[in-house]
Amino acid sequence: MTPEPPRSPAGEQKRPPAVSTPPEGARIALDRGTALWSGGGAATGGAPWKVLRLGQAAKPHILALRAAGERGLAPRSAIERALARQLLDHGLAHPVPRSRPGPHEVTLVVPAYGRADDLERTLAAVKGLPVIVVDDASPDPGPVSRTAAAYGAHIMRHEVNRGPAAARNTGLRAADTPFVAFVDSDCRPEAGWLDALMPYFDDPKVAAVAPRVVPESADDRLLTRYEAVRSALDMGRRAALVRPGAKLGFVPTATLVVRKEAVSDPAFDEELRLGEDVDFVWRLADLGWHVRYQPEVRVAHTPRPDLPSWARRRHEYGTSAADLSERHPGRLAPARPSAWNLATLAFLAFGRPLPAAACAAASAALLHRALAGTSENPALSATIVAKGTAADAAALGHALRREWWPLGLLCLATTPFSRVSRATALAMLAPIALEWVTGRPAVDPLRYTALRLLEDLAYGSGVTSAARGSRTLAPLLPRVGSPFPKRRRRK
């Protein structure tokens, strides 16, 4: 029996209102990752990924959504609105709101610790908006205080350094507007950012919206060029519903707009010096709130200037795993392969393609039976098995580069002598090669791969260090599950 997770030191958050339909006139579009089967009788995708069975009455409407593309449609009939709500809640579709000019009822909260030059650039970017700067016990408070005063920001100060979670909580309590935007002191939102983000809150189930945070630097060093495509704060180019277990499992609070009534007091767990943003987003999602990511809105961020500080920061991110695993049991598992896929991959690693094909075929046949009544097309189950096996191979390779890095390094070192090591190295390195081909960074493949491996090693060593310090194996253990996807049915 799974033990109950410990109560978070953060306050108890409210649940979202029970909303059966999206706002009147709101446009929605199918997510790019949503696929339709059986003439619109079933859909795959979502956050987390699932198979959704659709009733006959919904078929023409979801086909119309697919035909509309990225522009989306505004549902009109009761069936369309109910379908839209379900698709939004499952992450199979996303809202397409129109930008709306302010003024907006938003207060900005900017945690600061020294770095007054960065703070000045941030305040210049958000000039004209109400801002609370929370100085988290900077050793020399004068420059921070003078910079805040020069831009008309309200300044608050902690006499003892308490971390970014506490600084955000302090600013949140002082804000008297329905919405609060957390903006780190090294971030600079683009013009019109709130005009584009605030319309998402027309849906009363939306608790937070995050823009895309991208590095901005004037130099052309190797690390800067690498960061342009691999920043830890950049969540990518695709809009998403953010949830644990989804393709996009969290967003950073480097810049995040939140609905104040949706969060607790305290909103952030002040015992967490790192990972407090992950914990915050996961608690919102657990209660049914929507957290949305909108990459068309961009925020410039000052990256780490040199390789040692960059690697040290990645290591620090990894150290949050043990605390997060304690608060969210099972969610920090480095890989979640299915038993069938593991068997298929094991046969392939040992050079047994026929048993591997038989195992995959048996898995697809069993899955086809499990999906009876959802789709009679055998291509659906075959596609799920093929994509699932590839995804599990990539996840295992990812874990071998990070949480299981000692084993991963051993496999790389022994590739000349072992077929299994060569298969393992392929699972570790092929996703990096694919990243390079699709992203086309301004870094040659060899150095890109070296930096990618160093990044994963730095993070993974942080995980293992924290696990050892907390005397827990939870962040290091995989969770082997069923190969069959969750199936949802629309009544």
Protein backbone atom coordinates (compact mmCIF):
# COMPACT_ATOMS: atom_id res chain seq x y z
CA MET A 1 0.00 0.00 0.00
CA THR A 2 1.37 3.40 -0.98
CA PRO A 3 1.90 5.61 2.08
CA GLU A 4 0.21 8.97 2.23
CA PRO A 5 2.55 11.79 1.19
CA PRO A 6 3.60 14.10 4.01
CA ARG A 7 1.82 17.39 4.30
CA SER A 8 3.65 20.16 2.52
CA PRO A 9 4.91 23.00 4.75
CA ALA A 10 3.15 25.33 2.29
CA GLY A 11 -0.44 26.25 3.03
CA GLU A 12 -3.52 24.40 1.87
CA GLN A 13 -4.59 25.56 -1.58
CA LYS A 14 -8.15 25.95 -2.81
CA ARG A 15 -9.72 23.82 -5.51
CA PRO A 16 -10.82 25.40 -8.79
CA PRO A 17 -14.48 26.06 -9.46
CA ALA A 18 -16.50 23.31 -11.13
CA VAL A 19 -16.73 24.60 -14.69
CA SER A 20 -18.54 22.48 -17.27
CA THR A 21 -17.80 24.65 -20.31
CA PRO A 22 -15.08 27.11 -21.36
CA PRO A 23 -15.78 30.86 -21.37
CA GLU A 24 -18.36 32.07 -23.93
CA GLY A 25 -16.74 32.78 -27.29
CA ALA A 26 -13.34 31.41 -26.29
CA ARG A 27 -11.47 29.78 -29.17
CA ILE A 28 -9.67 26.47 -28.74
CA ALA A 29 -7.34 24.52 -31.05
CA LEU A 30 -6.27 20.89 -31.02
CA ASP A 31 -2.80 20.41 -29.60
CA ARG A 32 -0.15 19.51 -32.17
CA GLY A 33 0.43 16.22 -30.35
CA THR A 34 -3.22 15.15 -30.59
CA ALA A 35 -3.94 12.39 -33.13
CA LEU A 36 -7.43 11.27 -34.20
CA TRP A 37 -8.39 7.68 -34.93
CA SER A 38 -11.43 5.84 -36.30
CA GLY A 39 -12.81 8.91 -38.02
CA GLY A 40 -12.71 10.98 -34.85
CA GLY A 41 -14.03 8.24 -32.59
CA ALA A 42 -10.83 8.26 -30.52
CA ALA A 43 -8.02 10.68 -29.79
CA THR A 44 -4.53 10.16 -28.41
CA GLY A 45 -2.30 12.71 -26.74
CA GLY A 46 -2.86 15.01 -23.81
CA ALA A 47 -1.20 15.77 -20.50
CA PRO A 48 -0.43 13.12 -19.40
CA TRP A 49 -0.68 11.08 -22.64
CA LYS A 50 -3.83 8.98 -22.92
CA VAL A 51 -6.41 7.45 -25.26
CA LEU A 52 -9.74 9.28 -25.19
CA ARG A 53 -12.89 7.66 -26.56
CA LEU A 54 -15.33 10.10 -28.15
CA GLY A 55 -19.04 9.64 -28.66
CA GLN A 56 -20.73 9.77 -32.06
CA ALA A 57 -22.12 13.23 -31.38
CA ALA A 58 -18.62 14.61 -30.78
CA LYS A 59 -17.06 13.29 -34.02
CA PRO A 60 -18.02 16.10 -36.41
CA HIS A 61 -16.94 18.74 -33.93
CA ILE A 62 -13.48 17.32 -33.27
CA LEU A 63 -12.97 16.82 -37.00
CA ALA A 64 -13.90 20.47 -37.50
CA LEU A 65 -11.32 21.43 -34.89
CA ARG A 66 -8.66 19.45 -36.72
CA ALA A 67 -9.57 21.16 -39.98
CA ALA A 68 -9.37 24.60 -38.33
CA GLY A 69 -5.72 24.07 -37.39
CA GLU A 70 -3.88 26.51 -35.13
CA ARG A 71 -6.54 29.24 -35.51
CA GLY A 72 -9.00 27.05 -33.66
CA LEU A 73 -12.75 27.46 -33.29
CA ALA A 74 -15.13 28.99 -30.77
CA PRO A 75 -17.60 26.28 -29.65
CA ARG A 76 -21.24 27.29 -29.97
CA SER A 77 -23.56 24.38 -29.22
CA ALA A 78 -23.85 22.64 -25.86
CA ILE A 79 -22.09 19.55 -27.25
CA GLU A 80 -19.25 21.65 -28.65
CA ARG A 81 -18.75 23.48 -25.36
CA ALA A 82 -18.78 20.25 -23.33
CA LEU A 83 -16.31 18.66 -25.75
CA ALA A 84 -14.10 21.75 -25.58
CA ARG A 85 -14.04 21.60 -21.79
CA GLN A 86 -13.03 17.95 -21.84
CA LEU A 87 -10.31 18.49 -24.43
CA LEU A 88 -8.90 21.43 -22.46
CA ASP A 89 -8.96 19.50 -19.18
CA HIS A 90 -7.10 16.56 -20.72
CA GLY A 91 -4.55 18.71 -22.53
CA LEU A 92 -5.71 17.52 -25.96
CA ALA A 93 -6.54 21.10 -26.93
CA HIS A 94 -5.38 24.51 -25.80
CA PRO A 95 -7.02 27.94 -25.68
CA VAL A 96 -6.34 30.50 -28.41
CA PRO A 97 -7.17 33.79 -26.69
CA ARG A 98 -6.81 37.18 -28.32
CA SER A 99 -4.35 39.66 -26.90
CA ARG A 100 -6.08 42.28 -24.76
CA PRO A 101 -4.52 45.63 -23.88
CA GLY A 102 -4.34 46.73 -20.26
CA PRO A 103 -4.37 48.12 -17.74
CA HIS A 104 -4.33 44.76 -15.94
CA GLU A 105 -4.96 44.11 -12.26
CA VAL A 106 -1.48 42.68 -11.71
CA THR A 107 1.24 43.41 -9.17
CA LEU A 108 4.79 42.34 -9.98
CA VAL A 109 6.85 40.68 -7.26
CA VAL A 110 10.60 40.75 -7.88
CA PRO A 111 12.83 38.80 -5.45
CA ALA A 112 16.32 40.31 -5.32
CA TYR A 113 19.68 39.43 -3.82
CA GLY A 114 22.31 41.94 -4.83
CA ARG A 115 22.91 42.28 -8.59
CA ALA A 116 21.44 45.79 -8.71
CA ASP A 117 22.46 46.18 -12.37
CA ASP A 118 20.29 43.22 -13.37
CA LEU A 119 17.47 44.52 -11.19
CA GLU A 120 17.61 47.89 -12.96
CA ARG A 121 17.25 46.21 -16.36
CA THR A 122 14.28 44.23 -15.07
CA LEU A 123 12.52 47.29 -13.66
CA ALA A 124 13.15 49.21 -16.88
CA ALA A 125 11.47 46.40 -18.84
CA VAL A 126 8.32 46.52 -16.65
CA LYS A 127 8.21 50.29 -16.16
CA GLY A 128 4.73 51.63 -15.47
CA LEU A 129 3.50 48.53 -13.62
CA PRO A 130 3.10 48.27 -9.82
CA VAL A 131 6.17 46.44 -8.50
CA ILE A 132 7.17 45.06 -5.12
CA VAL A 133 10.91 44.35 -4.80
CA VAL A 134 11.73 41.94 -1.97
CA ASP A 135 15.37 42.25 -0.98
CA ASP A 136 16.29 38.88 0.50
CA ALA A 137 19.01 40.21 2.85
CA SER A 138 21.48 41.47 0.24
CA PRO A 139 24.87 42.03 1.93
CA ASP A 140 24.84 45.61 0.62
CA PRO A 141 21.18 46.70 0.49
CA GLY A 142 21.89 50.24 -0.68
CA PRO A 143 22.13 49.65 -4.45
CA VAL A 144 19.02 47.46 -4.46
CA SER A 145 17.03 49.99 -2.46
CA ARG A 146 18.14 52.93 -4.61
CA THR A 147 17.35 51.08 -7.83
CA ALA A 148 13.86 50.18 -6.61
CA ALA A 149 13.21 53.77 -5.53
CA ALA A 150 14.40 55.14 -8.88
CA TYR A 151 11.67 53.17 -10.66
CA GLY A 152 8.94 53.80 -8.10
CA ALA A 153 8.89 50.21 -6.84
CA HIS A 154 7.86 49.40 -3.28
CA ILE A 155 10.84 47.88 -1.42
CA MET A 156 10.59 45.21 1.28
CA ARG A 157 13.55 43.58 2.99
CA HIS A 158 14.34 40.36 4.83
CA GLU A 159 16.95 40.89 7.52
CA VAL A 160 18.05 37.25 7.15
CA ASN A 161 18.37 35.47 3.82
CA ARG A 162 15.42 33.08 3.56
CA GLY A 163 15.51 32.04 -0.09
CA PRO A 164 13.41 32.80 -3.18
CA ALA A 165 10.32 30.93 -1.90
CA ALA A 166 10.10 33.17 1.16
CA ALA A 167 10.75 36.30 -0.90
CA ARG A 168 7.89 35.45 -3.23
CA ASN A 169 5.59 34.71 -0.30
CA THR A 170 6.40 38.07 1.26
CA GLY A 171 5.63 39.93 -1.95
CA LEU A 172 2.47 37.91 -2.56
CA ARG A 173 1.07 38.82 0.86
CA ALA A 174 1.73 42.51 0.23
CA ALA A 175 0.05 42.55 -3.19
CA ASP A 176 -3.56 43.75 -3.23
CA THR A 177 -4.47 42.86 -6.83
CA PRO A 178 -6.30 39.72 -8.04
CA PHE A 179 -3.21 38.62 -10.00
CA VAL A 180 0.48 38.56 -9.19
CA ALA A 181 3.39 38.17 -11.61
CA PHE A 182 6.61 36.76 -10.19
CA VAL A 183 9.58 38.08 -12.16
CA ASP A 184 13.15 37.24 -11.17
CA SER A 185 15.59 40.13 -11.00
CA ASP A 186 17.56 38.79 -13.98
CA CYS A 187 14.51 38.52 -16.29
CA ARG A 188 13.16 41.08 -18.74
CA PRO A 189 9.68 40.51 -20.21
CA GLU A 190 9.03 41.74 -23.73
CA ALA A 191 6.63 44.58 -24.44
CA GLY A 192 2.96 43.55 -24.35
CA TRP A 193 3.64 40.38 -22.36
CA LEU A 194 0.71 40.84 -19.99
CA ASP A 195 -1.63 41.72 -22.86
CA ALA A 196 -0.96 38.25 -24.27
CA LEU A 197 -0.94 36.27 -20.99
CA MET A 198 -3.84 37.75 -19.04
CA PRO A 199 -6.63 36.57 -21.41
CA TYR A 200 -5.82 32.98 -20.42
CA PHE A 201 -7.31 33.75 -17.01
CA ASP A 202 -10.74 34.19 -18.61
CA ASP A 203 -10.97 30.45 -17.95
CA PRO A 204 -11.66 30.26 -14.19
CA LYS A 205 -9.77 26.96 -13.98
CA VAL A 206 -6.46 28.61 -14.96
CA ALA A 207 -4.32 29.33 -11.92
CA ALA A 208 -1.04 30.29 -13.59
CA VAL A 209 0.44 31.11 -16.99
CA ALA A 210 4.14 31.03 -17.87
CA PRO A 211 5.89 32.67 -20.83
CA ARG A 212 9.00 31.32 -22.53
CA VAL A 213 12.23 32.31 -20.76
CA VAL A 214 15.17 32.53 -23.17
CA PRO A 215 18.82 33.41 -22.53
CA GLU A 216 20.10 36.75 -23.78
CA SER A 217 23.79 37.50 -23.92
CA ALA A 218 25.98 39.79 -26.03
CA ASP A 219 28.98 37.44 -26.22
CA ASP A 220 29.50 34.58 -28.67
CA ARG A 221 31.26 32.04 -26.46
CA LEU A 222 30.69 28.31 -26.80
CA LEU A 223 28.56 28.08 -23.65
CA THR A 224 26.40 31.02 -24.74
CA ARG A 225 25.71 29.36 -28.08
CA TYR A 226 24.87 26.10 -26.32
CA GLU A 227 22.56 27.85 -23.85
CA ALA A 228 20.67 29.39 -26.75
CA VAL A 229 19.16 25.95 -27.42
CA ARG A 230 19.56 24.21 -24.04
CA SER A 231 18.74 26.74 -21.33
CA ALA A 232 17.38 25.12 -18.16
CA LEU A 233 14.67 27.79 -17.99
CA ASP A 234 13.54 27.48 -21.61
CA MET A 235 10.60 25.06 -21.78
CA GLY A 236 10.51 24.93 -25.56
CA ARG A 237 8.45 26.18 -28.48
CA ARG A 238 5.15 24.36 -27.93
CA ALA A 239 2.22 25.60 -25.87
CA ALA A 240 1.20 23.10 -23.23
CA LEU A 241 -0.92 22.24 -20.23
CA VAL A 242 1.61 21.75 -17.44
CA ARG A 243 1.15 18.72 -15.19
CA PRO A 244 3.21 16.06 -13.43
CA GLY A 245 3.59 13.10 -15.77
CA ALA A 246 2.98 15.25 -18.86
CA LYS A 247 5.54 16.05 -21.51
CA LEU A 248 5.95 19.42 -19.82
CA GLY A 249 5.90 18.58 -16.14
CA PHE A 250 6.66 22.00 -14.65
CA VAL A 251 7.50 25.59 -15.48
CA PRO A 252 9.98 27.79 -13.62
CA THR A 253 8.84 30.75 -11.58
CA ALA A 254 11.52 32.93 -13.17
CA THR A 255 8.48 34.63 -14.72
CA LEU A 256 5.03 33.35 -13.82
CA VAL A 257 1.63 35.06 -13.57
CA VAL A 258 -0.73 33.58 -10.96
CA ARG A 259 -4.33 34.00 -9.85
CA LYS A 260 -4.01 35.04 -6.23
CA GLU A 261 -7.21 33.35 -5.04
CA ALA A 262 -5.91 30.00 -6.32
CA VAL A 263 -2.83 29.91 -4.10
CA SER A 264 -2.37 29.28 -0.43
CA ASP A 265 -0.64 31.29 2.26
CA PRO A 266 2.20 30.53 2.22
CA ALA A 267 2.10 29.72 -1.48
CA PHE A 268 5.67 28.42 -1.73
CA ASP A 269 7.31 25.90 0.55
CA GLU A 270 9.97 27.96 2.32
CA GLU A 271 11.87 24.85 3.38
CA LEU A 272 12.82 24.36 -0.27
CA ARG A 273 15.71 26.49 -1.47
CA LEU A 274 15.50 24.80 -4.87
CA GLY A 275 12.61 23.03 -6.55
CA GLU A 276 10.03 25.25 -4.88
CA ASP A 277 8.62 26.10 -8.32
CA VAL A 278 8.15 22.42 -9.18
CA ASP A 279 6.39 21.77 -5.88
CA PHE A 280 4.17 24.82 -6.37
CA VAL A 281 3.05 23.81 -9.88
CA TRP A 282 2.46 20.18 -8.88
CA ARG A 283 0.28 21.14 -5.93
CA LEU A 284 -1.83 23.36 -8.17
CA ALA A 285 -2.24 20.58 -10.73
CA ASP A 286 -3.12 18.01 -8.06
CA LEU A 287 -6.12 20.11 -7.07
CA GLY A 288 -7.37 20.40 -10.64
CA TRP A 289 -6.07 23.86 -11.52
CA HIS A 290 -4.65 24.50 -14.97
CA VAL A 291 -1.12 25.84 -15.37
CA ARG A 292 -0.47 26.90 -18.95
CA TYR A 293 2.71 27.56 -20.89
CA GLN A 294 2.64 30.14 -23.69
CA PRO A 295 5.95 30.22 -25.59
CA GLU A 296 4.90 32.98 -27.99
CA VAL A 297 5.47 35.43 -25.12
CA ARG A 298 9.20 35.73 -24.47
CA VAL A 299 11.21 36.85 -21.46
CA ALA A 300 14.94 37.53 -21.73
CA HIS A 301 17.14 36.00 -19.02
CA THR A 302 20.79 36.61 -18.12
CA PRO A 303 22.56 33.22 -18.29
CA ARG A 304 25.39 31.94 -16.10
CA PRO A 305 28.60 33.52 -17.42
CA ASP A 306 31.12 30.69 -17.16
CA LEU A 307 31.36 26.91 -17.29
CA PRO A 308 32.05 26.26 -13.56
CA SER A 309 29.07 28.33 -12.35
CA TRP A 310 26.87 26.83 -15.08
CA ALA A 311 27.77 23.26 -14.07
CA ARG A 312 27.46 24.08 -10.37
CA ARG A 313 23.95 25.43 -10.93
CA ARG A 314 22.93 22.25 -12.76
CA HIS A 315 24.28 20.24 -9.83
CA GLU A 316 22.27 22.39 -7.42
CA TYR A 317 19.09 21.76 -9.43
CA GLY A 318 19.68 18.04 -9.00
CA THR A 319 19.96 18.33 -5.23
CA SER A 320 16.27 19.29 -5.04
CA ALA A 321 15.24 15.75 -6.06
CA ALA A 322 15.32 14.20 -2.59
CA ASP A 323 13.13 16.88 -1.00
CA LEU A 324 10.69 16.82 -3.91
CA SER A 325 10.53 13.03 -3.80
CA GLU A 326 9.61 13.18 -0.13
CA ARG A 327 6.77 15.61 -0.84
CA HIS A 328 5.62 13.91 -4.06
CA PRO A 329 6.32 10.18 -3.74
CA GLY A 330 6.96 8.38 -7.01
CA ARG A 331 7.02 11.45 -9.24
CA LEU A 332 10.79 11.80 -9.37
CA ALA A 333 11.32 8.31 -10.78
CA PRO A 334 14.06 8.67 -13.43
CA ALA A 335 12.27 6.29 -15.84
CA ARG A 336 8.81 4.71 -16.10
CA PRO A 337 9.16 1.91 -18.66
CA SER A 338 6.50 -0.71 -19.25
CA ALA A 339 7.36 -4.35 -18.60
CA TRP A 340 6.62 -5.31 -22.21
CA ASN A 341 8.81 -2.56 -23.61
CA LEU A 342 11.63 -3.51 -21.26
CA ALA A 343 11.49 -7.08 -22.52
CA THR A 344 11.54 -5.89 -26.15
CA LEU A 345 14.51 -3.61 -25.51
CA ALA A 346 16.37 -6.33 -23.62
CA PHE A 347 16.03 -8.73 -26.56
CA LEU A 348 17.30 -6.02 -28.90
CA ALA A 349 20.25 -5.22 -26.65
CA PHE A 350 21.30 -8.88 -26.64
CA GLY A 351 21.01 -9.10 -30.41
CA ARG A 352 17.77 -11.12 -30.57
CA PRO A 353 15.56 -9.27 -33.08
CA LEU A 354 13.03 -12.08 -33.65
CA PRO A 355 12.09 -12.50 -29.96
CA ALA A 356 11.99 -8.68 -29.71
CA ALA A 357 9.55 -8.48 -32.64
CA ALA A 358 7.44 -11.29 -31.12
CA CYS A 359 7.32 -9.48 -27.78
CA ALA A 360 6.27 -6.21 -29.43
CA ALA A 361 3.63 -8.00 -31.52
CA ALA A 362 2.20 -9.74 -28.43
CA SER A 363 2.09 -6.41 -26.60
CA ALA A 364 0.28 -4.77 -29.53
CA ALA A 365 -2.23 -7.64 -29.72
CA LEU A 366 -3.04 -7.43 -26.01
CA LEU A 367 -3.33 -3.67 -26.25
CA HIS A 368 -5.69 -3.99 -29.22
CA ARG A 369 -7.97 -6.17 -27.10
CA ALA A 370 -7.80 -3.68 -24.23
CA LEU A 371 -8.86 -0.88 -26.60
CA ALA A 372 -11.88 -2.79 -27.93
CA GLY A 373 -14.79 -0.39 -28.21
CA THR A 374 -12.45 2.59 -28.51
CA SER A 375 -10.89 1.84 -31.88
CA GLU A 376 -10.99 -1.26 -34.09
CA ASN A 377 -7.99 -0.07 -36.06
CA PRO A 378 -4.97 -2.30 -35.20
CA ALA A 379 -2.68 0.50 -36.35
CA LEU A 380 -3.55 2.39 -33.15
CA SER A 381 -2.18 -0.30 -30.84
CA ALA A 382 0.84 -0.89 -33.10
CA THR A 383 1.60 2.83 -33.12
CA ILE A 384 1.29 3.06 -29.34
CA VAL A 385 3.66 0.13 -28.82
CA ALA A 386 6.22 1.46 -31.32
CA LYS A 387 6.20 4.98 -29.88
CA GLY A 388 6.17 3.66 -26.33
CA THR A 389 9.18 1.43 -26.93
CA ALA A 390 11.14 4.29 -28.51
CA ALA A 391 10.14 6.64 -25.69
CA ASP A 392 11.15 4.12 -23.02
CA ALA A 393 14.52 3.59 -24.71
CA ALA A 394 15.10 7.36 -24.72
CA ALA A 395 13.98 7.63 -21.06
CA LEU A 396 16.36 4.87 -19.99
CA GLY A 397 19.19 6.55 -21.90
CA HIS A 398 18.30 9.84 -20.22
CA ALA A 399 18.44 8.23 -16.79
CA LEU A 400 21.81 6.63 -17.62
CA ARG A 401 23.16 10.09 -18.43
CA ARG A 402 21.74 11.63 -15.25
CA GLU A 403 20.51 9.73 -12.18
CA TRP A 404 22.30 6.50 -13.15
CA TRP A 405 25.42 8.26 -14.39
CA PRO A 406 27.98 5.83 -12.83
CA LEU A 407 26.40 2.97 -14.78
CA GLY A 408 26.10 5.14 -17.88
CA LEU A 409 29.79 6.08 -17.77
CA LEU A 410 30.69 2.41 -17.37
CA CYS A 411 28.64 1.48 -20.42
CA LEU A 412 30.27 4.21 -22.52
CA ALA A 413 33.72 3.05 -21.42
CA THR A 414 33.03 -0.60 -22.28
CA THR A 415 31.36 -0.15 -25.70
CA PRO A 416 34.29 -1.78 -27.57
CA PHE A 417 33.87 -4.97 -25.55
CA SER A 418 30.13 -5.45 -25.01
CA ARG A 419 27.09 -5.64 -27.30
CA VAL A 420 24.86 -4.56 -24.40
CA SER A 421 27.09 -1.56 -23.70
CA ARG A 422 26.89 -0.53 -27.35
CA ALA A 423 23.09 -0.75 -27.27
CA THR A 424 23.06 1.25 -24.04
CA ALA A 425 25.37 3.89 -25.51
CA LEU A 426 23.04 4.16 -28.49
CA ALA A 427 20.09 4.84 -26.16
CA MET A 428 22.17 7.49 -24.38
CA LEU A 429 23.59 9.27 -27.43
CA ALA A 430 20.93 8.93 -30.14
CA PRO A 431 18.54 11.46 -28.48
CA ILE A 432 21.40 13.98 -28.27
CA ALA A 433 22.16 13.49 -31.96
CA LEU A 434 18.48 14.00 -32.76
CA GLU A 435 18.47 17.20 -30.70
CA TRP A 436 21.41 18.52 -32.68
CA VAL A 437 19.87 17.64 -36.04
CA THR A 438 16.49 19.19 -35.24
CA GLY A 439 17.74 22.18 -33.24
CA ARG A 440 20.72 23.04 -35.45
CA PRO A 441 22.63 24.86 -32.68
CA ALA A 442 25.61 27.04 -33.52
CA VAL A 443 27.82 24.40 -31.90
CA ASP A 444 29.52 21.51 -33.67
CA PRO A 445 28.12 18.02 -32.89
CA LEU A 446 31.13 16.85 -30.86
CA ARG A 447 31.21 19.79 -28.48
CA TYR A 448 27.41 19.87 -28.25
CA THR A 449 27.43 16.22 -27.18
CA ALA A 450 30.22 16.87 -24.65
CA LEU A 451 28.35 19.79 -23.07
CA ARG A 452 25.09 17.83 -23.07
CA LEU A 453 26.74 14.94 -21.26
CA LEU A 454 28.39 17.32 -18.80
CA GLU A 455 25.05 19.02 -18.11
CA ASP A 456 23.34 15.70 -17.41
CA LEU A 457 26.24 14.48 -15.29
CA ALA A 458 26.20 17.66 -13.20
CA TYR A 459 22.46 17.34 -12.59
CA GLY A 460 22.67 13.59 -11.93
CA SER A 461 25.49 13.99 -9.44
CA GLY A 462 23.29 16.45 -7.58
CA VAL A 463 20.50 13.84 -7.43
CA THR A 464 22.80 11.09 -6.16
CA SER A 465 24.40 13.47 -3.66
CA ALA A 466 21.01 14.50 -2.26
CA ALA A 467 19.79 10.91 -2.18
CA ARG A 468 22.86 9.85 -0.24
CA GLY A 469 22.50 12.79 2.17
CA SER A 470 18.82 12.01 2.77
CA ARG A 471 19.42 8.26 2.90
CA THR A 472 16.81 7.50 0.30
CA LEU A 473 16.83 5.68 -3.03
CA ALA A 474 13.47 7.07 -4.13
CA PRO A 475 14.83 9.58 -6.71
CA LEU A 476 16.97 6.82 -8.25
CA LEU A 477 14.48 3.98 -8.62
CA PRO A 478 12.48 3.39 -11.81
CA ARG A 479 8.78 2.59 -11.81
CA VAL A 480 7.92 -0.28 -14.12
CA GLY A 481 4.31 -0.18 -15.21
CA SER A 482 1.70 -1.58 -17.54
CA PRO A 483 2.14 -1.05 -21.29
CA PHE A 484 -1.51 -0.14 -21.65
CA PRO A 485 -2.46 3.56 -21.69
CA LYS A 486 -5.16 5.09 -19.59
CA ARG A 487 -8.39 5.22 -21.51
CA ARG A 488 -10.96 7.96 -21.04
CA ARG A 489 -14.50 7.83 -22.28
CA ARG A 490 -16.74 10.75 -23.10
CA LYS A 491 -20.33 10.06 -22.09
